[in-house]
Amino acid sequence: MTHSPAWSNVTHGHVVRALEEYDRLGPEGFFAQHGFAPTTTYELVWEKRRYPPKAILGTAYEFATGQRLGSGDFEGGKTGAVKVLGNLGFTIQPKRRPGS
């Protein structure tokens, strides 16, 4: 049974730490280390850069609790990562399609 992660443990600071880690490792290194994949639907926009919301939130949760989440452990869309990150004050936008 999948239970919803305790997002209340995750703070704005944990998310910023995950964003900084993403910048430091680069996308491929970040995904390799934390076990997520590039985003398909939404992007987290922070300081004019774009990030995969689900991977960032999952990593922030790991920083907050010491527990690692897999991609299948929580929703990424409007009811999941997008909502949690929005509640923490982050900007989430639909991913731009190439050429649009």
C-alpha atoms as a PDB file:
ATOM      1  CA  MET A   1       0.000   0.000   0.000  1.00  0.00           C
ATOM      2  CA  THR A   2       1.324   3.428  -0.905  1.00  0.00           C
ATOM      3  CA  HIS A   3       0.758   6.002   1.762  1.00  0.00           C
ATOM      4  CA  SER A   4       1.185   9.671   1.132  1.00  0.00           C
ATOM      5  CA  PRO A   5       4.537  11.041   2.278  1.00  0.00           C
ATOM      6  CA  ALA A   6       4.495  13.461   5.226  1.00  0.00           C
ATOM      7  CA  TRP A   7       5.002  16.622   3.214  1.00  0.00           C
ATOM      8  CA  SER A   8       4.590  18.751   6.354  1.00  0.00           C
ATOM      9  CA  ASN A   9       8.198  17.811   7.205  1.00  0.00           C
ATOM     10  CA  VAL A  10       9.464  19.519   4.042  1.00  0.00           C
ATOM     11  CA  THR A  11      10.283  23.217   4.326  1.00  0.00           C
ATOM     12  CA  HIS A  12      11.087  25.893   1.764  1.00  0.00           C
ATOM     13  CA  GLY A  13      14.722  25.514   2.829  1.00  0.00           C
ATOM     14  CA  HIS A  14      14.790  21.789   2.024  1.00  0.00           C
ATOM     15  CA  VAL A  15      13.490  22.541  -1.468  1.00  0.00           C
ATOM     16  CA  VAL A  16      16.124  25.251  -1.988  1.00  0.00           C
ATOM     17  CA  ARG A  17      18.779  22.739  -0.894  1.00  0.00           C
ATOM     18  CA  ALA A  18      17.478  20.290  -3.512  1.00  0.00           C
ATOM     19  CA  LEU A  19      17.558  23.036  -6.170  1.00  0.00           C
ATOM     20  CA  GLU A  20      21.155  23.858  -5.264  1.00  0.00           C
ATOM     21  CA  GLU A  21      22.072  20.180  -5.430  1.00  0.00           C
ATOM     22  CA  TYR A  22      20.493  19.960  -8.898  1.00  0.00           C
ATOM     23  CA  ASP A  23      22.561  22.942 -10.032  1.00  0.00           C
ATOM     24  CA  ARG A  24      25.728  21.448  -8.546  1.00  0.00           C
ATOM     25  CA  LEU A  25      25.326  17.933  -9.986  1.00  0.00           C
ATOM     26  CA  GLY A  26      23.606  18.830 -13.252  1.00  0.00           C
ATOM     27  CA  PRO A  27      20.494  16.959 -14.436  1.00  0.00           C
ATOM     28  CA  GLU A  28      22.120  13.615 -15.243  1.00  0.00           C
ATOM     29  CA  GLY A  29      24.140  13.473 -12.049  1.00  0.00           C
ATOM     30  CA  PHE A  30      21.139  14.521  -9.990  1.00  0.00           C
ATOM     31  CA  PHE A  31      18.862  11.874 -11.498  1.00  0.00           C
ATOM     32  CA  ALA A  32      21.567   9.226 -11.106  1.00  0.00           C
ATOM     33  CA  GLN A  33      22.094  10.079  -7.455  1.00  0.00           C
ATOM     34  CA  HIS A  34      18.483  10.623  -6.412  1.00  0.00           C
ATOM     35  CA  GLY A  35      16.647   8.237  -8.716  1.00  0.00           C
ATOM     36  CA  PHE A  36      14.199  10.412 -10.609  1.00  0.00           C
ATOM     37  CA  ALA A  37      13.652  11.229 -14.272  1.00  0.00           C
ATOM     38  CA  PRO A  38      13.241  14.469 -16.206  1.00  0.00           C
ATOM     39  CA  THR A  39       9.882  16.181 -15.970  1.00  0.00           C
ATOM     40  CA  THR A  40       7.249  15.766 -18.648  1.00  0.00           C
ATOM     41  CA  THR A  41       4.363  18.036 -17.643  1.00  0.00           C
ATOM     42  CA  TYR A  42       5.403  20.772 -15.221  1.00  0.00           C
ATOM     43  CA  GLU A  43       8.491  22.770 -14.354  1.00  0.00           C
ATOM     44  CA  LEU A  44       9.476  24.494 -11.146  1.00  0.00           C
ATOM     45  CA  VAL A  45      10.748  27.972 -12.013  1.00  0.00           C
ATOM     46  CA  TRP A  46      13.289  29.435  -9.593  1.00  0.00           C
ATOM     47  CA  GLU A  47      15.690  32.300 -10.218  1.00  0.00           C
ATOM     48  CA  LYS A  48      14.896  32.151 -13.947  1.00  0.00           C
ATOM     49  CA  ARG A  49      15.900  28.492 -14.200  1.00  0.00           C
ATOM     50  CA  ARG A  50      13.655  25.474 -14.682  1.00  0.00           C
ATOM     51  CA  TYR A  51      13.652  22.293 -12.639  1.00  0.00           C
ATOM     52  CA  PRO A  52      11.738  18.980 -12.526  1.00  0.00           C
ATOM     53  CA  PRO A  53       9.243  19.441  -9.659  1.00  0.00           C
ATOM     54  CA  LYS A  54       8.847  15.790  -8.711  1.00  0.00           C
ATOM     55  CA  ALA A  55      12.577  15.110  -8.544  1.00  0.00           C
ATOM     56  CA  ILE A  56      13.165  18.293  -6.533  1.00  0.00           C
ATOM     57  CA  LEU A  57      10.377  17.542  -4.066  1.00  0.00           C
ATOM     58  CA  GLY A  58      11.440  13.920  -3.655  1.00  0.00           C
ATOM     59  CA  THR A  59      14.985  15.026  -2.914  1.00  0.00           C
ATOM     60  CA  ALA A  60      13.786  17.738  -0.515  1.00  0.00           C
ATOM     61  CA  TYR A  61      11.808  15.036   1.301  1.00  0.00           C
ATOM     62  CA  GLU A  62      14.951  12.918   1.552  1.00  0.00           C
ATOM     63  CA  PHE A  63      16.813  15.903   3.048  1.00  0.00           C
ATOM     64  CA  ALA A  64      13.954  16.564   5.474  1.00  0.00           C
ATOM     65  CA  THR A  65      13.350  13.015   6.704  1.00  0.00           C
ATOM     66  CA  GLY A  66      16.308  10.875   5.679  1.00  0.00           C
ATOM     67  CA  GLN A  67      13.875   8.642   3.783  1.00  0.00           C
ATOM     68  CA  ARG A  68      14.308   8.159   0.081  1.00  0.00           C
ATOM     69  CA  LEU A  69      11.223   8.190  -2.124  1.00  0.00           C
ATOM     70  CA  GLY A  70      10.920   6.486  -5.460  1.00  0.00           C
ATOM     71  CA  SER A  71       9.169   8.103  -8.368  1.00  0.00           C
ATOM     72  CA  GLY A  72       6.222   5.752  -7.879  1.00  0.00           C
ATOM     73  CA  ASP A  73       5.820   6.687  -4.207  1.00  0.00           C
ATOM     74  CA  PHE A  74       3.957   9.922  -4.856  1.00  0.00           C
ATOM     75  CA  GLU A  75       2.075  11.884  -7.486  1.00  0.00           C
ATOM     76  CA  GLY A  76       3.865  14.511  -9.498  1.00  0.00           C
ATOM     77  CA  GLY A  77       0.942  16.438 -10.954  1.00  0.00           C
ATOM     78  CA  LYS A  78      -1.570  18.958  -9.678  1.00  0.00           C
ATOM     79  CA  THR A  79      -2.578  16.882  -6.663  1.00  0.00           C
ATOM     80  CA  GLY A  80       0.973  15.890  -5.762  1.00  0.00           C
ATOM     81  CA  ALA A  81       4.340  17.580  -6.124  1.00  0.00           C
ATOM     82  CA  VAL A  82       2.932  20.619  -7.954  1.00  0.00           C
ATOM     83  CA  LYS A  83       0.480  21.330  -5.123  1.00  0.00           C
ATOM     84  CA  VAL A  84       3.028  20.783  -2.340  1.00  0.00           C
ATOM     85  CA  LEU A  85       5.635  23.002  -3.996  1.00  0.00           C
ATOM     86  CA  GLY A  86       3.021  25.680  -4.694  1.00  0.00           C
ATOM     87  CA  ASN A  87       2.021  25.637  -1.022  1.00  0.00           C
ATOM     88  CA  LEU A  88       5.685  26.214  -0.124  1.00  0.00           C
ATOM     89  CA  GLY A  89       5.722  29.329  -2.281  1.00  0.00           C
ATOM     90  CA  PHE A  90       7.371  28.017  -5.439  1.00  0.00           C
ATOM     91  CA  THR A  91       6.252  28.823  -8.968  1.00  0.00           C
ATOM     92  CA  ILE A  92       5.191  25.841 -11.071  1.00  0.00           C
ATOM     93  CA  GLN A  93       4.383  26.229 -14.741  1.00  0.00           C
ATOM     94  CA  PRO A  94       3.265  23.828 -17.442  1.00  0.00           C
ATOM     95  CA  LYS A  95       6.318  22.658 -19.317  1.00  0.00           C
ATOM     96  CA  ARG A  96       6.901  24.542 -22.536  1.00  0.00           C
ATOM     97  CA  ARG A  97       6.754  22.393 -25.600  1.00  0.00           C
ATOM     98  CA  PRO A  98       9.800  22.781 -27.857  1.00  0.00           C
ATOM     99  CA  GLY A  99       9.017  25.217 -30.613  1.00  0.00           C
ATOM    100  CA  SER A 100       5.932  26.687 -28.980  1.00  0.00           C
END
